[in-house]
Amino acid sequence: MPITDDDGLRELLDLQTIAVVGCSTTPGKAAHEIPAYLQRHGYDVIPVNPFADEILGEHAYDSLADIEEDVDLVNVFRPSEEVPDIVDDVLARHEDRGDVQAVWLQLGIEHDEAAARAEEAGLRVVQDKCMKVEHGMLVR
């Protein structure tokens, strides 16, 4: 079952290195503003966007597989129908490197089957919740 309780969400918000799949170069878009907020609050944000070289002053990677540093959590800003392929990429990375601990699907993004596959592989999953909103409510 995806994490919905405050304690479980707080644990995920303690993770520090966040790969943001679908991170946007466009100020004003949620996929830009939320990673910027996380960055301002001390998180290491790694943008994943094959159409950008740099976002938020950080090198943007074409894919999760291209990221050299360890990743704690993958935050997803892509449509729900793309989630299965993203989870495939997360699971491949988890199997290869063992670094990803969780997948966080932003507000409005859900895919129960893909979430179940991630959980079966030992990952924690959040669906349909905004990381910025949860951080603002739960982290002091």
N, C-alpha and C. Protein backbone atom coordinates (compact mmCIF):
# COMPACT_ATOMS: atom_id res chain seq x y z
N MET A 1 0.84 -1.20 0.00
CA MET A 1 0.00 0.00 0.00
C MET A 1 0.88 1.25 0.00
N PRO A 2 0.55 2.18 -0.85
CA PRO A 2 1.30 3.45 -0.84
C PRO A 2 1.24 4.14 0.53
N ILE A 3 2.26 4.88 0.82
CA ILE A 3 2.35 5.58 2.11
C ILE A 3 1.40 6.78 2.10
N THR A 4 0.60 6.87 3.15
CA THR A 4 -0.32 8.01 3.30
C THR A 4 -0.25 8.63 4.69
N ASP A 5 0.34 7.91 5.65
CA ASP A 5 0.37 8.42 7.03
C ASP A 5 1.50 9.42 7.22
N ASP A 6 1.31 10.32 8.16
CA ASP A 6 2.29 11.39 8.41
C ASP A 6 3.68 10.86 8.76
N ASP A 7 3.75 9.82 9.59
CA ASP A 7 5.06 9.28 9.98
C ASP A 7 5.80 8.72 8.78
N GLY A 8 5.09 7.99 7.93
CA GLY A 8 5.71 7.43 6.73
C GLY A 8 6.18 8.52 5.78
N LEU A 9 5.36 9.55 5.62
CA LEU A 9 5.74 10.67 4.75
C LEU A 9 6.95 11.41 5.31
N ARG A 10 6.98 11.60 6.64
CA ARG A 10 8.13 12.27 7.28
C ARG A 10 9.42 11.50 7.02
N GLU A 11 9.35 10.17 7.09
CA GLU A 11 10.55 9.35 6.83
C GLU A 11 11.07 9.60 5.42
N LEU A 12 10.17 9.67 4.46
CA LEU A 12 10.60 9.92 3.09
C LEU A 12 11.15 11.34 2.93
N LEU A 13 10.57 12.28 3.65
CA LEU A 13 11.04 13.67 3.58
C LEU A 13 12.40 13.84 4.24
N ASP A 14 12.87 12.83 4.98
CA ASP A 14 14.22 12.85 5.54
C ASP A 14 15.28 12.46 4.51
N LEU A 15 14.87 11.84 3.41
CA LEU A 15 15.82 11.47 2.36
C LEU A 15 16.32 12.74 1.69
N GLN A 16 17.57 12.75 1.27
CA GLN A 16 18.19 14.00 0.84
C GLN A 16 18.38 14.19 -0.65
N THR A 17 18.64 13.12 -1.39
CA THR A 17 18.96 13.27 -2.81
C THR A 17 17.76 12.82 -3.63
N ILE A 18 17.20 13.78 -4.38
CA ILE A 18 15.95 13.56 -5.10
C ILE A 18 16.16 13.76 -6.59
N ALA A 19 15.95 12.70 -7.36
CA ALA A 19 15.93 12.81 -8.82
C ALA A 19 14.51 13.20 -9.22
N VAL A 20 14.39 14.28 -9.97
CA VAL A 20 13.07 14.78 -10.37
C VAL A 20 12.85 14.49 -11.85
N VAL A 21 12.05 13.44 -12.12
CA VAL A 21 11.75 13.06 -13.49
C VAL A 21 10.65 13.97 -14.02
N GLY A 22 10.97 14.68 -15.10
CA GLY A 22 10.02 15.64 -15.65
C GLY A 22 10.23 17.04 -15.10
N CYS A 23 11.37 17.29 -14.49
CA CYS A 23 11.70 18.61 -13.97
C CYS A 23 11.66 19.60 -15.14
N SER A 24 11.01 20.73 -14.92
CA SER A 24 10.79 21.71 -15.99
C SER A 24 11.76 22.88 -15.92
N THR A 25 12.07 23.41 -17.09
CA THR A 25 12.89 24.61 -17.19
C THR A 25 12.06 25.88 -17.06
N THR A 26 10.74 25.73 -17.02
CA THR A 26 9.83 26.87 -17.08
C THR A 26 9.40 27.35 -15.70
N PRO A 27 9.91 28.52 -15.25
CA PRO A 27 9.44 29.08 -13.98
C PRO A 27 7.92 29.25 -14.01
N GLY A 28 7.31 28.98 -12.88
CA GLY A 28 5.86 29.07 -12.78
C GLY A 28 5.18 27.73 -12.88
N LYS A 29 5.80 26.77 -13.56
CA LYS A 29 5.23 25.42 -13.63
C LYS A 29 5.54 24.67 -12.34
N ALA A 30 4.61 23.85 -11.90
CA ALA A 30 4.83 23.07 -10.68
C ALA A 30 6.10 22.23 -10.78
N ALA A 31 6.38 21.68 -11.95
CA ALA A 31 7.55 20.83 -12.14
C ALA A 31 8.87 21.61 -12.09
N HIS A 32 8.80 22.92 -11.98
CA HIS A 32 9.97 23.77 -11.77
C HIS A 32 9.95 24.32 -10.35
N GLU A 33 8.80 24.84 -9.92
CA GLU A 33 8.70 25.53 -8.63
C GLU A 33 8.86 24.57 -7.45
N ILE A 34 8.32 23.38 -7.54
CA ILE A 34 8.42 22.44 -6.41
C ILE A 34 9.86 21.95 -6.24
N PRO A 35 10.56 21.53 -7.31
CA PRO A 35 11.97 21.20 -7.13
C PRO A 35 12.79 22.39 -6.61
N ALA A 36 12.47 23.61 -7.07
CA ALA A 36 13.18 24.80 -6.57
C ALA A 36 12.95 24.96 -5.07
N TYR A 37 11.71 24.76 -4.63
CA TYR A 37 11.38 24.82 -3.20
C TYR A 37 12.20 23.78 -2.43
N LEU A 38 12.23 22.55 -2.94
CA LEU A 38 12.98 21.49 -2.27
C LEU A 38 14.46 21.84 -2.19
N GLN A 39 14.98 22.39 -3.27
CA GLN A 39 16.39 22.80 -3.30
C GLN A 39 16.66 23.88 -2.24
N ARG A 40 15.75 24.85 -2.14
CA ARG A 40 15.91 25.92 -1.13
C ARG A 40 15.85 25.38 0.29
N HIS A 41 15.21 24.24 0.46
CA HIS A 41 15.08 23.63 1.79
C HIS A 41 16.13 22.55 2.04
N GLY A 42 17.22 22.59 1.28
CA GLY A 42 18.38 21.77 1.58
C GLY A 42 18.46 20.42 0.88
N TYR A 43 17.51 20.11 0.04
CA TYR A 43 17.58 18.84 -0.68
C TYR A 43 18.52 18.97 -1.87
N ASP A 44 19.18 17.85 -2.20
CA ASP A 44 19.98 17.78 -3.42
C ASP A 44 19.04 17.35 -4.54
N VAL A 45 18.72 18.27 -5.44
CA VAL A 45 17.79 18.01 -6.53
C VAL A 45 18.57 17.70 -7.80
N ILE A 46 18.24 16.57 -8.42
CA ILE A 46 18.87 16.16 -9.67
C ILE A 46 17.80 16.14 -10.75
N PRO A 47 17.81 17.12 -11.65
CA PRO A 47 16.79 17.17 -12.70
C PRO A 47 16.97 16.07 -13.74
N VAL A 48 15.86 15.47 -14.16
CA VAL A 48 15.86 14.51 -15.26
C VAL A 48 14.92 15.05 -16.32
N ASN A 49 15.52 15.51 -17.43
CA ASN A 49 14.76 16.07 -18.53
C ASN A 49 15.65 16.00 -19.77
N PRO A 50 15.29 15.13 -20.73
CA PRO A 50 16.15 14.95 -21.91
C PRO A 50 16.20 16.17 -22.83
N PHE A 51 15.38 17.17 -22.58
CA PHE A 51 15.34 18.36 -23.44
C PHE A 51 16.05 19.55 -22.83
N ALA A 52 16.74 19.34 -21.70
CA ALA A 52 17.43 20.44 -21.02
C ALA A 52 18.85 20.03 -20.66
N ASP A 53 19.75 21.00 -20.66
CA ASP A 53 21.12 20.77 -20.23
C ASP A 53 21.30 21.09 -18.75
N GLU A 54 20.55 22.10 -18.29
CA GLU A 54 20.67 22.56 -16.91
C GLU A 54 19.32 23.08 -16.43
N ILE A 55 18.99 22.75 -15.20
CA ILE A 55 17.77 23.26 -14.56
C ILE A 55 18.12 23.58 -13.12
N LEU A 56 17.71 24.73 -12.64
CA LEU A 56 17.95 25.15 -11.25
C LEU A 56 19.44 25.14 -10.91
N GLY A 57 20.26 25.45 -11.91
CA GLY A 57 21.70 25.48 -11.69
C GLY A 57 22.35 24.12 -11.59
N GLU A 58 21.60 23.07 -11.88
CA GLU A 58 22.11 21.69 -11.80
C GLU A 58 22.13 21.07 -13.19
N HIS A 59 23.09 20.20 -13.44
CA HIS A 59 23.12 19.45 -14.69
C HIS A 59 21.85 18.62 -14.81
N ALA A 60 21.17 18.70 -15.94
CA ALA A 60 19.98 17.89 -16.18
C ALA A 60 20.37 16.63 -16.94
N TYR A 61 19.92 15.50 -16.45
CA TYR A 61 20.23 14.22 -17.06
C TYR A 61 19.11 13.79 -18.00
N ASP A 62 19.48 13.01 -19.02
CA ASP A 62 18.50 12.50 -19.97
C ASP A 62 17.62 11.42 -19.37
N SER A 63 18.17 10.65 -18.43
CA SER A 63 17.43 9.54 -17.84
C SER A 63 17.97 9.23 -16.45
N LEU A 64 17.21 8.44 -15.70
CA LEU A 64 17.67 8.01 -14.38
C LEU A 64 18.96 7.22 -14.48
N ALA A 65 19.09 6.42 -15.52
CA ALA A 65 20.28 5.57 -15.69
C ALA A 65 21.55 6.40 -15.86
N ASP A 66 21.41 7.62 -16.36
CA ASP A 66 22.58 8.47 -16.61
C ASP A 66 23.12 9.15 -15.35
N ILE A 67 22.36 9.17 -14.28
CA ILE A 67 22.78 9.87 -13.06
C ILE A 67 23.90 9.09 -12.39
N GLU A 68 25.01 9.77 -12.15
CA GLU A 68 26.18 9.12 -11.58
C GLU A 68 26.10 9.01 -10.06
N GLU A 69 25.59 10.05 -9.40
CA GLU A 69 25.54 10.02 -7.94
C GLU A 69 24.38 9.15 -7.46
N ASP A 70 24.44 8.78 -6.18
CA ASP A 70 23.37 7.98 -5.59
C ASP A 70 22.10 8.82 -5.48
N VAL A 71 20.97 8.17 -5.66
CA VAL A 71 19.66 8.79 -5.58
C VAL A 71 18.88 8.11 -4.46
N ASP A 72 18.29 8.90 -3.56
CA ASP A 72 17.48 8.34 -2.48
C ASP A 72 16.03 8.15 -2.89
N LEU A 73 15.49 9.14 -3.61
CA LEU A 73 14.07 9.17 -3.93
C LEU A 73 13.89 9.69 -5.35
N VAL A 74 12.94 9.11 -6.08
CA VAL A 74 12.59 9.59 -7.42
C VAL A 74 11.23 10.27 -7.32
N ASN A 75 11.21 11.56 -7.64
CA ASN A 75 9.99 12.37 -7.62
C ASN A 75 9.52 12.52 -9.06
N VAL A 76 8.26 12.19 -9.33
CA VAL A 76 7.76 12.10 -10.71
C VAL A 76 6.77 13.21 -11.03
N PHE A 77 7.09 13.96 -12.09
CA PHE A 77 6.22 15.00 -12.64
C PHE A 77 5.90 14.65 -14.09
N ARG A 78 5.40 13.48 -14.34
CA ARG A 78 5.01 13.05 -15.68
C ARG A 78 3.60 12.49 -15.59
N PRO A 79 2.88 12.42 -16.72
CA PRO A 79 1.51 11.90 -16.69
C PRO A 79 1.44 10.46 -16.17
N SER A 80 0.31 10.15 -15.57
CA SER A 80 0.12 8.82 -14.98
C SER A 80 0.42 7.68 -15.95
N GLU A 81 0.07 7.86 -17.23
CA GLU A 81 0.29 6.78 -18.19
C GLU A 81 1.77 6.51 -18.45
N GLU A 82 2.65 7.43 -18.06
CA GLU A 82 4.09 7.22 -18.21
C GLU A 82 4.73 6.55 -16.99
N VAL A 83 3.97 6.43 -15.92
CA VAL A 83 4.51 5.89 -14.67
C VAL A 83 5.06 4.47 -14.81
N PRO A 84 4.39 3.54 -15.52
CA PRO A 84 4.97 2.19 -15.62
C PRO A 84 6.38 2.18 -16.20
N ASP A 85 6.63 2.97 -17.24
CA ASP A 85 7.98 3.02 -17.81
C ASP A 85 8.98 3.65 -16.85
N ILE A 86 8.54 4.66 -16.12
CA ILE A 86 9.42 5.30 -15.14
C ILE A 86 9.75 4.31 -14.02
N VAL A 87 8.75 3.58 -13.56
CA VAL A 87 9.00 2.57 -12.52
C VAL A 87 9.95 1.49 -13.05
N ASP A 88 9.82 1.11 -14.32
CA ASP A 88 10.78 0.16 -14.90
C ASP A 88 12.20 0.71 -14.78
N ASP A 89 12.38 1.99 -15.09
CA ASP A 89 13.70 2.62 -14.98
C ASP A 89 14.18 2.65 -13.54
N VAL A 90 13.28 2.95 -12.61
CA VAL A 90 13.62 2.98 -11.19
C VAL A 90 14.04 1.58 -10.73
N LEU A 91 13.28 0.58 -11.11
CA LEU A 91 13.58 -0.80 -10.70
C LEU A 91 14.91 -1.27 -11.28
N ALA A 92 15.19 -0.90 -12.53
CA ALA A 92 16.48 -1.27 -13.13
C ALA A 92 17.63 -0.62 -12.37
N ARG A 93 17.44 0.64 -12.01
CA ARG A 93 18.48 1.34 -11.24
C ARG A 93 18.63 0.72 -9.85
N HIS A 94 17.50 0.44 -9.21
CA HIS A 94 17.51 -0.16 -7.87
C HIS A 94 18.22 -1.51 -7.89
N GLU A 95 17.95 -2.29 -8.91
CA GLU A 95 18.59 -3.61 -9.03
C GLU A 95 20.08 -3.47 -9.31
N ASP A 96 20.42 -2.51 -10.17
CA ASP A 96 21.82 -2.33 -10.57
C ASP A 96 22.65 -1.66 -9.48
N ARG A 97 22.11 -0.60 -8.88
CA ARG A 97 22.89 0.20 -7.94
C ARG A 97 22.44 0.08 -6.49
N GLY A 98 21.17 -0.27 -6.29
CA GLY A 98 20.65 -0.42 -4.94
C GLY A 98 20.47 0.87 -4.18
N ASP A 99 20.40 2.00 -4.91
CA ASP A 99 20.37 3.26 -4.19
C ASP A 99 18.97 3.85 -3.99
N VAL A 100 18.07 3.68 -4.91
CA VAL A 100 16.75 4.30 -4.79
C VAL A 100 15.93 3.59 -3.71
N GLN A 101 15.37 4.39 -2.80
CA GLN A 101 14.57 3.84 -1.71
C GLN A 101 13.08 4.08 -1.87
N ALA A 102 12.71 5.07 -2.69
CA ALA A 102 11.30 5.45 -2.77
C ALA A 102 10.98 6.13 -4.09
N VAL A 103 9.69 6.05 -4.45
CA VAL A 103 9.14 6.74 -5.61
C VAL A 103 7.99 7.60 -5.10
N TRP A 104 8.02 8.88 -5.46
CA TRP A 104 6.97 9.82 -5.04
C TRP A 104 6.29 10.36 -6.29
N LEU A 105 5.02 10.02 -6.48
CA LEU A 105 4.23 10.52 -7.60
C LEU A 105 3.50 11.77 -7.15
N GLN A 106 3.75 12.86 -7.83
CA GLN A 106 3.20 14.16 -7.45
C GLN A 106 1.67 14.18 -7.52
N LEU A 107 1.10 15.24 -7.01
CA LEU A 107 -0.35 15.44 -6.98
C LEU A 107 -0.95 15.22 -8.37
N GLY A 108 -1.99 14.38 -8.43
CA GLY A 108 -2.67 14.09 -9.69
C GLY A 108 -2.05 12.94 -10.48
N ILE A 109 -0.98 12.35 -9.97
CA ILE A 109 -0.30 11.26 -10.67
C ILE A 109 -0.45 9.98 -9.87
N GLU A 110 -1.03 8.96 -10.51
CA GLU A 110 -1.27 7.67 -9.85
C GLU A 110 -1.15 6.55 -10.87
N HIS A 111 -0.68 5.40 -10.40
CA HIS A 111 -0.71 4.18 -11.21
C HIS A 111 -0.56 3.01 -10.25
N ASP A 112 -1.68 2.41 -9.86
CA ASP A 112 -1.68 1.38 -8.82
C ASP A 112 -0.82 0.18 -9.19
N GLU A 113 -0.89 -0.28 -10.43
CA GLU A 113 -0.12 -1.46 -10.84
C GLU A 113 1.38 -1.20 -10.75
N ALA A 114 1.82 -0.06 -11.27
CA ALA A 114 3.24 0.28 -11.22
C ALA A 114 3.69 0.49 -9.77
N ALA A 115 2.83 1.11 -8.96
CA ALA A 115 3.16 1.31 -7.54
C ALA A 115 3.33 -0.04 -6.85
N ALA A 116 2.46 -0.98 -7.16
CA ALA A 116 2.55 -2.31 -6.55
C ALA A 116 3.85 -3.01 -6.95
N ARG A 117 4.25 -2.86 -8.20
CA ARG A 117 5.53 -3.46 -8.64
C ARG A 117 6.71 -2.85 -7.88
N ALA A 118 6.67 -1.55 -7.70
CA ALA A 118 7.75 -0.89 -6.95
C ALA A 118 7.79 -1.39 -5.51
N GLU A 119 6.63 -1.50 -4.90
CA GLU A 119 6.56 -1.98 -3.52
C GLU A 119 7.04 -3.42 -3.40
N GLU A 120 6.69 -4.26 -4.37
CA GLU A 120 7.14 -5.66 -4.36
C GLU A 120 8.66 -5.75 -4.42
N ALA A 121 9.29 -4.76 -5.03
CA ALA A 121 10.76 -4.72 -5.12
C ALA A 121 11.39 -4.10 -3.88
N GLY A 122 10.55 -3.72 -2.89
CA GLY A 122 11.07 -3.18 -1.64
C GLY A 122 11.13 -1.67 -1.56
N LEU A 123 10.58 -0.98 -2.55
CA LEU A 123 10.59 0.48 -2.53
C LEU A 123 9.34 1.00 -1.83
N ARG A 124 9.49 2.16 -1.22
CA ARG A 124 8.32 2.84 -0.65
C ARG A 124 7.75 3.75 -1.72
N VAL A 125 6.42 3.90 -1.70
CA VAL A 125 5.74 4.63 -2.77
C VAL A 125 4.73 5.61 -2.17
N VAL A 126 4.68 6.80 -2.77
CA VAL A 126 3.65 7.79 -2.48
C VAL A 126 2.98 8.11 -3.81
N GLN A 127 1.66 8.21 -3.80
CA GLN A 127 0.91 8.58 -5.00
C GLN A 127 0.03 9.80 -4.72
N ASP A 128 -0.12 10.63 -5.73
CA ASP A 128 -1.10 11.72 -5.69
C ASP A 128 -0.93 12.65 -4.49
N LYS A 129 0.33 12.99 -4.18
CA LYS A 129 0.60 13.94 -3.10
C LYS A 129 1.71 14.88 -3.54
N CYS A 130 1.58 16.13 -3.15
CA CYS A 130 2.59 17.13 -3.48
C CYS A 130 3.69 17.12 -2.41
N MET A 131 4.92 16.92 -2.85
CA MET A 131 6.04 16.88 -1.92
C MET A 131 6.22 18.21 -1.19
N LYS A 132 5.98 19.31 -1.88
CA LYS A 132 6.11 20.63 -1.25
C LYS A 132 5.05 20.81 -0.16
N VAL A 133 3.82 20.47 -0.45
CA VAL A 133 2.73 20.61 0.53
C VAL A 133 3.01 19.74 1.75
N GLU A 134 3.39 18.49 1.51
CA GLU A 134 3.65 17.59 2.64
C GLU A 134 4.85 18.08 3.45
N HIS A 135 5.89 18.58 2.79
CA HIS A 135 7.05 19.11 3.49
C HIS A 135 6.61 20.29 4.37
N GLY A 136 5.82 21.19 3.80
CA GLY A 136 5.37 22.36 4.55
C GLY A 136 4.54 22.01 5.77
N MET A 137 3.79 20.93 5.70
CA MET A 137 2.95 20.53 6.83
C MET A 137 3.69 19.68 7.85
N LEU A 138 4.67 18.88 7.41
CA LEU A 138 5.23 17.86 8.29
C LEU A 138 6.65 18.12 8.78
N VAL A 139 7.40 18.96 8.09
CA VAL A 139 8.79 19.19 8.46
C VAL A 139 8.92 20.55 9.13
N ARG A 140 9.46 20.57 10.31
CA ARG A 140 9.63 21.82 11.06
C ARG A 140 11.09 22.18 11.15
